[in-house]
PDB file of all heavy atoms in Angstrom:
ATOM      1  N   LYS A   1    -112.478  71.892 -66.646  1.00  0.00           N
ATOM      2  CA  LYS A   1    -111.393  72.823 -66.363  1.00  0.00           C
ATOM      3  C   LYS A   1    -110.714  73.265 -67.654  1.00  0.00           C
ATOM      4  O   LYS A   1    -110.392  72.450 -68.526  1.00  0.00           O
ATOM      5  CB  LYS A   1    -110.366  72.150 -65.442  1.00  0.00           C
ATOM      6  CG  LYS A   1    -109.259  73.088 -64.984  1.00  0.00           C
ATOM      7  CD  LYS A   1    -108.311  72.378 -64.032  1.00  0.00           C
ATOM      8  CE  LYS A   1    -107.202  73.323 -63.579  1.00  0.00           C
ATOM      9  NZ  LYS A   1    -106.258  72.641 -62.634  1.00  0.00           N
ATOM     10  N   ASP A   2    -110.565  74.566 -67.788  1.00  0.00           N
ATOM     11  CA  ASP A   2    -109.907  75.174 -68.963  1.00  0.00           C
ATOM     12  C   ASP A   2    -110.646  74.901 -70.265  1.00  0.00           C
ATOM     13  O   ASP A   2    -110.057  74.968 -71.347  1.00  0.00           O
ATOM     14  CB  ASP A   2    -108.448  74.687 -69.093  1.00  0.00           C
ATOM     15  CG  ASP A   2    -107.616  75.034 -67.870  1.00  0.00           C
ATOM     16  OD1 ASP A   2    -107.867  76.101 -67.267  1.00  0.00           O
ATOM     17  OD2 ASP A   2    -106.741  74.225 -67.508  1.00  0.00           O
ATOM     18  N   GLU A   3    -111.915  74.560 -70.181  1.00  0.00           N
ATOM     19  CA  GLU A   3    -112.716  74.339 -71.383  1.00  0.00           C
ATOM     20  C   GLU A   3    -114.052  75.062 -71.247  1.00  0.00           C
ATOM     21  O   GLU A   3    -114.408  75.566 -70.181  1.00  0.00           O
ATOM     22  CB  GLU A   3    -112.951  72.843 -71.617  1.00  0.00           C
ATOM     23  CG  GLU A   3    -111.697  72.051 -71.924  1.00  0.00           C
ATOM     24  CD  GLU A   3    -112.000  70.590 -72.210  1.00  0.00           C
ATOM     25  OE1 GLU A   3    -113.159  70.306 -72.587  1.00  0.00           O
ATOM     26  OE2 GLU A   3    -111.108  69.737 -72.038  1.00  0.00           O
ATOM     27  N   GLN A   4    -114.790  75.120 -72.341  1.00  0.00           N
ATOM     28  CA  GLN A   4    -116.101  75.750 -72.356  1.00  0.00           C
ATOM     29  C   GLN A   4    -117.175  74.700 -72.628  1.00  0.00           C
ATOM     30  O   GLN A   4    -116.918  73.686 -73.290  1.00  0.00           O
ATOM     31  CB  GLN A   4    -116.166  76.845 -73.442  1.00  0.00           C
ATOM     32  CG  GLN A   4    -115.201  78.004 -73.216  1.00  0.00           C
ATOM     33  CD  GLN A   4    -115.551  78.798 -71.976  1.00  0.00           C
ATOM     34  OE1 GLN A   4    -116.724  78.942 -71.618  1.00  0.00           O
ATOM     35  NE2 GLN A   4    -114.522  79.330 -71.306  1.00  0.00           N
ATOM     36  N   LEU A   5    -118.348  74.948 -72.095  1.00  0.00           N
ATOM     37  CA  LEU A   5    -119.469  74.067 -72.404  1.00  0.00           C
ATOM     38  C   LEU A   5    -119.906  74.261 -73.838  1.00  0.00           C
ATOM     39  O   LEU A   5    -119.819  75.360 -74.388  1.00  0.00           O
ATOM     40  CB  LEU A   5    -120.640  74.364 -71.457  1.00  0.00           C
ATOM     41  CG  LEU A   5    -120.432  74.070 -69.966  1.00  0.00           C
ATOM     42  CD1 LEU A   5    -121.653  74.533 -69.177  1.00  0.00           C
ATOM     43  CD2 LEU A   5    -120.189  72.586 -69.729  1.00  0.00           C
ATOM     44  N   THR A   6    -120.377  73.189 -74.462  1.00  0.00           N
ATOM     45  CA  THR A   6    -120.883  73.292 -75.822  1.00  0.00           C
ATOM     46  C   THR A   6    -122.230  74.032 -75.810  1.00  0.00           C
ATOM     47  O   THR A   6    -122.842  74.227 -74.752  1.00  0.00           O
ATOM     48  CB  THR A   6    -121.075  71.901 -76.437  1.00  0.00           C
ATOM     49  OG1 THR A   6    -122.106  71.210 -75.720  1.00  0.00           O
ATOM     50  CG2 THR A   6    -119.767  71.098 -76.364  1.00  0.00           C
ATOM     51  N   ILE A   7    -122.692  74.409 -76.969  1.00  0.00           N
ATOM     52  CA  ILE A   7    -123.985  75.090 -77.076  1.00  0.00           C
ATOM     53  C   ILE A   7    -125.107  74.191 -76.560  1.00  0.00           C
ATOM     54  O   ILE A   7    -126.012  74.646 -75.853  1.00  0.00           O
ATOM     55  CB  ILE A   7    -124.269  75.502 -78.532  1.00  0.00           C
ATOM     56  CG1 ILE A   7    -123.225  76.521 -79.024  1.00  0.00           C
ATOM     57  CG2 ILE A   7    -125.676  76.088 -78.653  1.00  0.00           C
ATOM     58  CD1 ILE A   7    -123.228  77.817 -78.238  1.00  0.00           C
ATOM     59  N   ASP A   8    -125.026  72.911 -76.889  1.00  0.00           N
ATOM     60  CA  ASP A   8    -126.044  71.977 -76.406  1.00  0.00           C
ATOM     61  C   ASP A   8    -126.010  71.866 -74.887  1.00  0.00           C
ATOM     62  O   ASP A   8    -127.071  71.811 -74.230  1.00  0.00           O
ATOM     63  CB  ASP A   8    -125.827  70.589 -77.029  1.00  0.00           C
ATOM     64  CG  ASP A   8    -126.196  70.553 -78.498  1.00  0.00           C
ATOM     65  OD1 ASP A   8    -126.894  71.486 -78.954  1.00  0.00           O
ATOM     66  OD2 ASP A   8    -125.794  69.601 -79.193  1.00  0.00           O
ATOM     67  N   GLN A   9    -124.827  71.816 -74.304  1.00  0.00           N
ATOM     68  CA  GLN A   9    -124.706  71.729 -72.852  1.00  0.00           C
ATOM     69  C   GLN A   9    -125.217  73.002 -72.176  1.00  0.00           C
ATOM     70  O   GLN A   9    -125.874  72.936 -71.136  1.00  0.00           O
ATOM     71  CB  GLN A   9    -123.255  71.468 -72.458  1.00  0.00           C
ATOM     72  CG  GLN A   9    -122.764  70.070 -72.797  1.00  0.00           C
ATOM     73  CD  GLN A   9    -121.277  69.910 -72.545  1.00  0.00           C
ATOM     74  OE1 GLN A   9    -120.494  70.849 -72.717  1.00  0.00           O
ATOM     75  NE2 GLN A   9    -120.876  68.695 -72.160  1.00  0.00           N
ATOM     76  N   GLN A  10    -124.921  74.146 -72.785  1.00  0.00           N
ATOM     77  CA  GLN A  10    -125.422  75.402 -72.237  1.00  0.00           C
ATOM     78  C   GLN A  10    -126.944  75.460 -72.298  1.00  0.00           C
ATOM     79  O   GLN A  10    -127.598  75.938 -71.357  1.00  0.00           O
ATOM     80  CB  GLN A  10    -124.812  76.577 -72.994  1.00  0.00           C
ATOM     81  CG  GLN A  10    -123.323  76.755 -72.791  1.00  0.00           C
ATOM     82  CD  GLN A  10    -122.754  77.903 -73.609  1.00  0.00           C
ATOM     83  OE1 GLN A  10    -123.425  78.909 -73.858  1.00  0.00           O
ATOM     84  NE2 GLN A  10    -121.517  77.764 -74.046  1.00  0.00           N
ATOM     85  N   SER A  11    -127.515  74.980 -73.384  1.00  0.00           N
ATOM     86  CA  SER A  11    -128.975  74.961 -73.517  1.00  0.00           C
ATOM     87  C   SER A  11    -129.593  74.012 -72.494  1.00  0.00           C
ATOM     88  O   SER A  11    -130.617  74.319 -71.872  1.00  0.00           O
ATOM     89  CB  SER A  11    -129.366  74.529 -74.940  1.00  0.00           C
ATOM     90  OG  SER A  11    -128.835  75.434 -75.902  1.00  0.00           O
ATOM     91  N   TYR A  12    -128.936  72.845 -72.329  1.00  0.00           N
ATOM     92  CA  TYR A  12    -129.413  71.873 -71.330  1.00  0.00           C
ATOM     93  C   TYR A  12    -129.403  72.495 -69.937  1.00  0.00           C
ATOM     94  O   TYR A  12    -130.367  72.371 -69.172  1.00  0.00           O
ATOM     95  CB  TYR A  12    -128.527  70.635 -71.378  1.00  0.00           C
ATOM     96  CG  TYR A  12    -128.786  69.656 -70.250  1.00  0.00           C
ATOM     97  CD1 TYR A  12    -129.794  68.700 -70.331  1.00  0.00           C
ATOM     98  CD2 TYR A  12    -127.994  69.695 -69.090  1.00  0.00           C
ATOM     99  CE1 TYR A  12    -130.025  67.812 -69.296  1.00  0.00           C
ATOM    100  CE2 TYR A  12    -128.226  68.807 -68.050  1.00  0.00           C
ATOM    101  CZ  TYR A  12    -129.232  67.873 -68.148  1.00  0.00           C
ATOM    102  OH  TYR A  12    -129.451  67.000 -67.123  1.00  0.00           O
ATOM    103  N   ASN A  13    -128.315  73.177 -69.596  1.00  0.00           N
ATOM    104  CA  ASN A  13    -128.199  73.790 -68.269  1.00  0.00           C
ATOM    105  C   ASN A  13    -129.236  74.889 -68.070  1.00  0.00           C
ATOM    106  O   ASN A  13    -129.761  75.071 -66.965  1.00  0.00           O
ATOM    107  CB  ASN A  13    -126.800  74.370 -68.074  1.00  0.00           C
ATOM    108  CG  ASN A  13    -125.771  73.295 -67.745  1.00  0.00           C
ATOM    109  OD1 ASN A  13    -126.119  72.121 -67.621  1.00  0.00           O
ATOM    110  ND2 ASN A  13    -124.519  73.688 -67.602  1.00  0.00           N
ATOM    111  N   ALA A  14    -129.544  75.623 -69.135  1.00  0.00           N
ATOM    112  CA  ALA A  14    -130.541  76.693 -69.026  1.00  0.00           C
ATOM    113  C   ALA A  14    -131.923  76.125 -68.724  1.00  0.00           C
ATOM    114  O   ALA A  14    -132.652  76.646 -67.871  1.00  0.00           O
ATOM    115  CB  ALA A  14    -130.568  77.516 -70.321  1.00  0.00           C
ATOM    116  N   ILE A  15    -132.269  75.042 -69.431  1.00  0.00           N
ATOM    117  CA  ILE A  15    -133.569  74.400 -69.190  1.00  0.00           C
ATOM    118  C   ILE A  15    -133.594  73.769 -67.805  1.00  0.00           C
ATOM    119  O   ILE A  15    -134.561  73.913 -67.049  1.00  0.00           O
ATOM    120  CB  ILE A  15    -133.850  73.342 -70.276  1.00  0.00           C
ATOM    121  CG1 ILE A  15    -133.975  74.016 -71.651  1.00  0.00           C
ATOM    122  CG2 ILE A  15    -135.124  72.567 -69.952  1.00  0.00           C
ATOM    123  CD1 ILE A  15    -134.062  73.044 -72.809  1.00  0.00           C
ATOM    124  N   HIS A  16    -132.501  73.092 -67.453  1.00  0.00           N
ATOM    125  CA  HIS A  16    -132.412  72.448 -66.145  1.00  0.00           C
ATOM    126  C   HIS A  16    -132.540  73.479 -65.022  1.00  0.00           C
ATOM    127  O   HIS A  16    -133.277  73.294 -64.049  1.00  0.00           O
ATOM    128  CB  HIS A  16    -131.075  71.706 -66.027  1.00  0.00           C
ATOM    129  CG  HIS A  16    -130.925  70.884 -64.785  1.00  0.00           C
ATOM    130  ND1 HIS A  16    -130.627  71.433 -63.550  1.00  0.00           N
ATOM    131  CD2 HIS A  16    -131.022  69.532 -64.576  1.00  0.00           C
ATOM    132  CE1 HIS A  16    -130.553  70.476 -62.652  1.00  0.00           C
ATOM    133  NE2 HIS A  16    -130.793  69.315 -63.237  1.00  0.00           N
ATOM    134  N   GLY A  17    -131.841  74.604 -65.182  1.00  0.00           N
ATOM    135  CA  GLY A  17    -131.884  75.651 -64.162  1.00  0.00           C
ATOM    136  C   GLY A  17    -133.258  76.282 -64.024  1.00  0.00           C
ATOM    137  O   GLY A  17    -133.705  76.591 -62.922  1.00  0.00           O
ATOM    138  N   ALA A  18    -133.937  76.443 -65.152  1.00  0.00           N
ATOM    139  CA  ALA A  18    -135.277  77.043 -65.115  1.00  0.00           C
ATOM    140  C   ALA A  18    -136.266  76.143 -64.388  1.00  0.00           C
ATOM    141  O   ALA A  18    -137.183  76.633 -63.715  1.00  0.00           O
ATOM    142  CB  ALA A  18    -135.758  77.308 -66.541  1.00  0.00           C
ATOM    143  N   LEU A  19    -136.091  74.832 -64.505  1.00  0.00           N
ATOM    144  CA  LEU A  19    -136.965  73.886 -63.809  1.00  0.00           C
ATOM    145  C   LEU A  19    -136.553  73.719 -62.347  1.00  0.00           C
ATOM    146  O   LEU A  19    -137.380  73.709 -61.442  1.00  0.00           O
ATOM    147  CB  LEU A  19    -136.940  72.524 -64.510  1.00  0.00           C
ATOM    148  CG  LEU A  19    -137.497  72.469 -65.935  1.00  0.00           C
ATOM    149  CD1 LEU A  19    -137.243  71.096 -66.549  1.00  0.00           C
ATOM    150  CD2 LEU A  19    -138.990  72.775 -65.934  1.00  0.00           C
ATOM    151  N   ARG A  20    -135.236  73.613 -62.136  1.00  0.00           N
ATOM    152  CA  ARG A  20    -134.753  73.316 -60.788  1.00  0.00           C
ATOM    153  C   ARG A  20    -134.893  74.506 -59.835  1.00  0.00           C
ATOM    154  O   ARG A  20    -135.091  74.318 -58.630  1.00  0.00           O
ATOM    155  CB  ARG A  20    -133.275  72.917 -60.856  1.00  0.00           C
ATOM    156  CG  ARG A  20    -132.726  72.329 -59.552  1.00  0.00           C
ATOM    157  CD  ARG A  20    -131.215  72.223 -59.569  1.00  0.00           C
ATOM    158  NE  ARG A  20    -130.565  73.518 -59.430  1.00  0.00           N
ATOM    159  CZ  ARG A  20    -129.898  74.136 -60.376  1.00  0.00           C
ATOM    160  NH1 ARG A  20    -129.777  73.586 -61.567  1.00  0.00           N
ATOM    161  NH2 ARG A  20    -129.335  75.308 -60.161  1.00  0.00           N
ATOM    162  N   CYS A  21    -134.803  75.712 -60.360  1.00  0.00           N
ATOM    163  CA  CYS A  21    -134.815  76.891 -59.486  1.00  0.00           C
ATOM    164  C   CYS A  21    -136.111  77.004 -58.684  1.00  0.00           C
ATOM    165  O   CYS A  21    -136.140  77.632 -57.622  1.00  0.00           O
ATOM    166  CB  CYS A  21    -134.587  78.160 -60.293  1.00  0.00           C
ATOM    167  SG  CYS A  21    -135.965  78.630 -61.372  1.00  0.00           S
ATOM    168  N   LEU A  22    -137.181  76.383 -59.180  1.00  0.00           N
ATOM    169  CA  LEU A  22    -138.447  76.447 -58.449  1.00  0.00           C
ATOM    170  C   LEU A  22    -138.365  75.697 -57.125  1.00  0.00           C
ATOM    171  O   LEU A  22    -139.173  75.922 -56.223  1.00  0.00           O
ATOM    172  CB  LEU A  22    -139.577  75.878 -59.307  1.00  0.00           C
ATOM    173  CG  LEU A  22    -139.915  76.694 -60.557  1.00  0.00           C
ATOM    174  CD1 LEU A  22    -140.967  75.974 -61.397  1.00  0.00           C
ATOM    175  CD2 LEU A  22    -140.412  78.073 -60.185  1.00  0.00           C
ATOM    176  N   GLY A  23    -137.362  74.803 -57.007  1.00  0.00           N
ATOM    177  CA  GLY A  23    -137.170  74.115 -55.741  1.00  0.00           C
ATOM    178  C   GLY A  23    -136.799  75.073 -54.620  1.00  0.00           C
ATOM    179  O   GLY A  23    -137.064  74.802 -53.439  1.00  0.00           O
ATOM    180  N   GLU A  24    -136.182  76.203 -54.968  1.00  0.00           N
ATOM    181  CA  GLU A  24    -135.855  77.205 -53.951  1.00  0.00           C
ATOM    182  C   GLU A  24    -137.120  77.780 -53.329  1.00  0.00           C
ATOM    183  O   GLU A  24    -137.099  78.255 -52.190  1.00  0.00           O
ATOM    184  CB  GLU A  24    -135.031  78.333 -54.583  1.00  0.00           C
ATOM    185  CG  GLU A  24    -133.672  77.916 -55.099  1.00  0.00           C
ATOM    186  CD  GLU A  24    -132.701  77.581 -53.975  1.00  0.00           C
ATOM    187  OE1 GLU A  24    -132.967  77.974 -52.820  1.00  0.00           O
ATOM    188  OE2 GLU A  24    -131.688  76.901 -54.252  1.00  0.00           O
ATOM    189  N   ARG A  25    -138.222  77.718 -54.058  1.00  0.00           N
ATOM    190  CA  ARG A  25    -139.484  78.234 -53.522  1.00  0.00           C
ATOM    191  C   ARG A  25    -139.925  77.425 -52.313  1.00  0.00           C
ATOM    192  O   ARG A  25    -140.494  77.976 -51.364  1.00  0.00           O
ATOM    193  CB  ARG A  25    -140.567  78.181 -54.601  1.00  0.00           C
ATOM    194  CG  ARG A  25    -141.948  78.619 -54.115  1.00  0.00           C
ATOM    195  CD  ARG A  25    -142.973  78.586 -55.239  1.00  0.00           C
ATOM    196  NE  ARG A  25    -144.287  78.998 -54.754  1.00  0.00           N
ATOM    197  CZ  ARG A  25    -145.241  78.155 -54.347  1.00  0.00           C
ATOM    198  NH1 ARG A  25    -145.016  76.855 -54.363  1.00  0.00           N
ATOM    199  NH2 ARG A  25    -146.402  78.606 -53.931  1.00  0.00           N
ATOM    200  N   ALA A  26    -139.667  76.121 -52.337  1.00  0.00           N
ATOM    201  CA  ALA A  26    -140.061  75.270 -51.209  1.00  0.00           C
ATOM    202  C   ALA A  26    -139.357  75.700 -49.933  1.00  0.00           C
ATOM    203  O   ALA A  26    -139.982  75.849 -48.877  1.00  0.00           O
ATOM    204  CB  ALA A  26    -139.756  73.811 -51.533  1.00  0.00           C
ATOM    205  N   ASN A  27    -138.041  75.911 -50.029  1.00  0.00           N
ATOM    206  CA  ASN A  27    -137.289  76.349 -48.857  1.00  0.00           C
ATOM    207  C   ASN A  27    -137.749  77.718 -48.397  1.00  0.00           C
ATOM    208  O   ASN A  27    -137.913  77.969 -47.200  1.00  0.00           O
ATOM    209  CB  ASN A  27    -135.792  76.385 -49.187  1.00  0.00           C
ATOM    210  CG  ASN A  27    -135.267  75.043 -49.653  1.00  0.00           C
ATOM    211  OD1 ASN A  27    -135.837  74.001 -49.335  1.00  0.00           O
ATOM    212  ND2 ASN A  27    -134.178  75.058 -50.401  1.00  0.00           N
ATOM    213  N   SER A  28    -137.960  78.609 -49.358  1.00  0.00           N
ATOM    214  CA  SER A  28    -138.387  79.967 -49.017  1.00  0.00           C
ATOM    215  C   SER A  28    -139.776  79.977 -48.407  1.00  0.00           C
ATOM    216  O   SER A  28    -140.043  80.725 -47.455  1.00  0.00           O
ATOM    217  CB  SER A  28    -138.358  80.851 -50.273  1.00  0.00           C
ATOM    218  OG  SER A  28    -138.822  82.150 -49.997  1.00  0.00           O
ATOM    219  N   LEU A  29    -140.657  79.146 -48.932  1.00  0.00           N
ATOM    220  CA  LEU A  29    -142.034  79.112 -48.434  1.00  0.00           C
ATOM    221  C   LEU A  29    -142.071  78.693 -46.970  1.00  0.00           C
ATOM    222  O   LEU A  29    -142.811  79.278 -46.161  1.00  0.00           O
ATOM    223  CB  LEU A  29    -142.861  78.146 -49.284  1.00  0.00           C
ATOM    224  CG  LEU A  29    -144.369  78.102 -49.028  1.00  0.00           C
ATOM    225  CD1 LEU A  29    -144.989  79.470 -49.259  1.00  0.00           C
ATOM    226  CD2 LEU A  29    -145.017  77.074 -49.933  1.00  0.00           C
ATOM    227  N   LEU A  30    -141.275  77.720 -46.611  1.00  0.00           N
ATOM    228  CA  LEU A  30    -141.235  77.278 -45.220  1.00  0.00           C
ATOM    229  C   LEU A  30    -140.685  78.368 -44.305  1.00  0.00           C
ATOM    230  O   LEU A  30    -141.231  78.647 -43.237  1.00  0.00           O
ATOM    231  CB  LEU A  30    -140.389  76.008 -45.101  1.00  0.00           C
ATOM    232  CG  LEU A  30    -141.019  74.716 -45.622  1.00  0.00           C
ATOM    233  CD1 LEU A  30    -139.973  73.614 -45.742  1.00  0.00           C
ATOM    234  CD2 LEU A  30    -142.152  74.259 -44.711  1.00  0.00           C
ATOM    235  N   LYS A  31    -139.613  79.020 -44.748  1.00  0.00           N
ATOM    236  CA  LYS A  31    -138.954  80.002 -43.881  1.00  0.00           C
ATOM    237  C   LYS A  31    -139.705  81.326 -43.803  1.00  0.00           C
ATOM    238  O   LYS A  31    -139.694  81.991 -42.760  1.00  0.00           O
ATOM    239  CB  LYS A  31    -137.525  80.248 -44.377  1.00  0.00           C
ATOM    240  CG  LYS A  31    -136.597  79.067 -44.172  1.00  0.00           C
ATOM    241  CD  LYS A  31    -135.198  79.384 -44.661  1.00  0.00           C
ATOM    242  CE  LYS A  31    -134.253  78.210 -44.437  1.00  0.00           C
ATOM    243  NZ  LYS A  31    -132.889  78.494 -44.933  1.00  0.00           N
ATOM    244  N   THR A  32    -140.341  81.725 -44.891  1.00  0.00           N
ATOM    245  CA  THR A  32    -141.086  82.987 -44.849  1.00  0.00           C
ATOM    246  C   THR A  32    -142.416  82.829 -44.128  1.00  0.00           C
ATOM    247  O   THR A  32    -142.899  83.775 -43.498  1.00  0.00           O
ATOM    248  CB  THR A  32    -141.334  83.529 -46.266  1.00  0.00           C
ATOM    249  OG1 THR A  32    -141.999  82.534 -47.062  1.00  0.00           O
ATOM    250  CG2 THR A  32    -140.033  83.925 -46.939  1.00  0.00           C
ATOM    251  N   THR A  33    -143.010  81.641 -44.209  1.00  0.00           N
ATOM    252  CA  THR A  33    -144.271  81.405 -43.503  1.00  0.00           C
ATOM    253  C   THR A  33    -144.042  81.255 -42.008  1.00  0.00           C
ATOM    254  O   THR A  33    -144.814  81.793 -41.199  1.00  0.00           O
ATOM    255  CB  THR A  33    -144.970  80.141 -44.048  1.00  0.00           C
ATOM    256  OG1 THR A  33    -145.172  80.278 -45.459  1.00  0.00           O
ATOM    257  CG2 THR A  33    -146.327  79.955 -43.374  1.00  0.00           C
ATOM    258  N   TYR A  34    -142.977  80.544 -41.654  1.00  0.00           N
ATOM    259  CA  TYR A  34    -142.716  80.257 -40.239  1.00  0.00           C
ATOM    260  C   TYR A  34    -141.383  80.885 -39.828  1.00  0.00           C
ATOM    261  O   TYR A  34    -140.310  80.345 -40.120  1.00  0.00           O
ATOM    262  CB  TYR A  34    -142.726  78.747 -40.005  1.00  0.00           C
ATOM    263  CG  TYR A  34    -144.035  78.121 -40.421  1.00  0.00           C
ATOM    264  CD1 TYR A  34    -144.126  77.339 -41.567  1.00  0.00           C
ATOM    265  CD2 TYR A  34    -145.193  78.365 -39.691  1.00  0.00           C
ATOM    266  CE1 TYR A  34    -145.329  76.792 -41.965  1.00  0.00           C
ATOM    267  CE2 TYR A  34    -146.412  77.826 -40.084  1.00  0.00           C
ATOM    268  CZ  TYR A  34    -146.471  77.048 -41.224  1.00  0.00           C
ATOM    269  OH  TYR A  34    -147.681  76.527 -41.620  1.00  0.00           O
ATOM    270  N   ARG A  35    -141.492  82.005 -39.145  1.00  0.00           N
ATOM    271  CA  ARG A  35    -140.308  82.775 -38.772  1.00  0.00           C
ATOM    272  C   ARG A  35    -139.365  81.988 -37.866  1.00  0.00           C
ATOM    273  O   ARG A  35    -138.160  82.234 -37.840  1.00  0.00           O
ATOM    274  CB  ARG A  35    -140.737  84.072 -38.075  1.00  0.00           C
ATOM    275  CG  ARG A  35    -139.603  85.035 -37.788  1.00  0.00           C
ATOM    276  CD  ARG A  35    -140.126  86.355 -37.282  1.00  0.00           C
ATOM    277  NE  ARG A  35    -140.900  87.033 -38.312  1.00  0.00           N
ATOM    278  CZ  ARG A  35    -141.467  88.222 -38.139  1.00  0.00           C
ATOM    279  NH1 ARG A  35    -141.370  88.839 -36.968  1.00  0.00           N
ATOM    280  NH2 ARG A  35    -142.143  88.786 -39.123  1.00  0.00           N
ATOM    281  N   ALA A  36    -139.912  81.023 -37.116  1.00  0.00           N
ATOM    282  CA  ALA A  36    -139.069  80.225 -36.213  1.00  0.00           C
ATOM    283  C   ALA A  36    -138.008  79.441 -36.968  1.00  0.00           C
ATOM    284  O   ALA A  36    -137.012  79.014 -36.379  1.00  0.00           O
ATOM    285  CB  ALA A  36    -139.941  79.277 -35.397  1.00  0.00           C
ATOM    286  N   LEU A  37    -138.204  79.226 -38.284  1.00  0.00           N
ATOM    287  CA  LEU A  37    -137.246  78.466 -39.072  1.00  0.00           C
ATOM    288  C   LEU A  37    -136.106  79.328 -39.594  1.00  0.00           C
ATOM    289  O   LEU A  37    -135.178  78.806 -40.220  1.00  0.00           O
ATOM    290  CB  LEU A  37    -137.949  77.776 -40.250  1.00  0.00           C
ATOM    291  CG  LEU A  37    -139.090  76.816 -39.914  1.00  0.00           C
ATOM    292  CD1 LEU A  37    -139.573  76.121 -41.181  1.00  0.00           C
ATOM    293  CD2 LEU A  37    -138.664  75.794 -38.872  1.00  0.00           C
ATOM    294  N   ARG A  38    -136.171  80.624 -39.376  1.00  0.00           N
ATOM    295  CA  ARG A  38    -135.101  81.490 -39.876  1.00  0.00           C
ATOM    296  C   ARG A  38    -133.875  81.453 -38.968  1.00  0.00           C
ATOM    297  O   ARG A  38    -132.751  81.620 -39.422  1.00  0.00           O
ATOM    298  CB  ARG A  38    -135.613  82.923 -40.004  1.00  0.00           C
ATOM    299  CG  ARG A  38    -136.795  83.049 -40.954  1.00  0.00           C
ATOM    300  CD  ARG A  38    -137.292  84.475 -41.026  1.00  0.00           C
ATOM    301  NE  ARG A  38    -138.621  84.546 -41.623  1.00  0.00           N
ATOM    302  CZ  ARG A  38    -139.337  85.650 -41.721  1.00  0.00           C
ATOM    303  NH1 ARG A  38    -138.840  86.801 -41.261  1.00  0.00           N
ATOM    304  NH2 ARG A  38    -140.545  85.630 -42.267  1.00  0.00           N
ATOM    305  N   ARG A  39    -134.114  81.261 -37.690  1.00  0.00           N
ATOM    306  CA  ARG A  39    -133.006  81.136 -36.735  1.00  0.00           C
ATOM    307  C   ARG A  39    -133.540  80.422 -35.498  1.00  0.00           C
ATOM    308  O   ARG A  39    -134.446  80.925 -34.834  1.00  0.00           O
ATOM    309  CB  ARG A  39    -132.435  82.499 -36.363  1.00  0.00           C
ATOM    310  CG  ARG A  39    -131.183  82.407 -35.488  1.00  0.00           C
ATOM    311  CD  ARG A  39    -130.740  83.781 -35.037  1.00  0.00           C
ATOM    312  NE  ARG A  39    -129.494  83.711 -34.303  1.00  0.00           N
ATOM    313  CZ  ARG A  39    -128.307  84.068 -34.779  1.00  0.00           C
ATOM    314  NH1 ARG A  39    -128.227  84.534 -36.016  1.00  0.00           N
ATOM    315  NH2 ARG A  39    -127.229  83.997 -34.044  1.00  0.00           N
TER     316      ARG A  39
END
């Protein structure tokens, strides 16, 4: 709160986000393949 992330922390978050975002593919793959899971 009221502070900024350091350059190292920002770099860590960028790498972490690039790896973690692929997890969204798992959720999307299930829902796009099987329409019954959308609602």
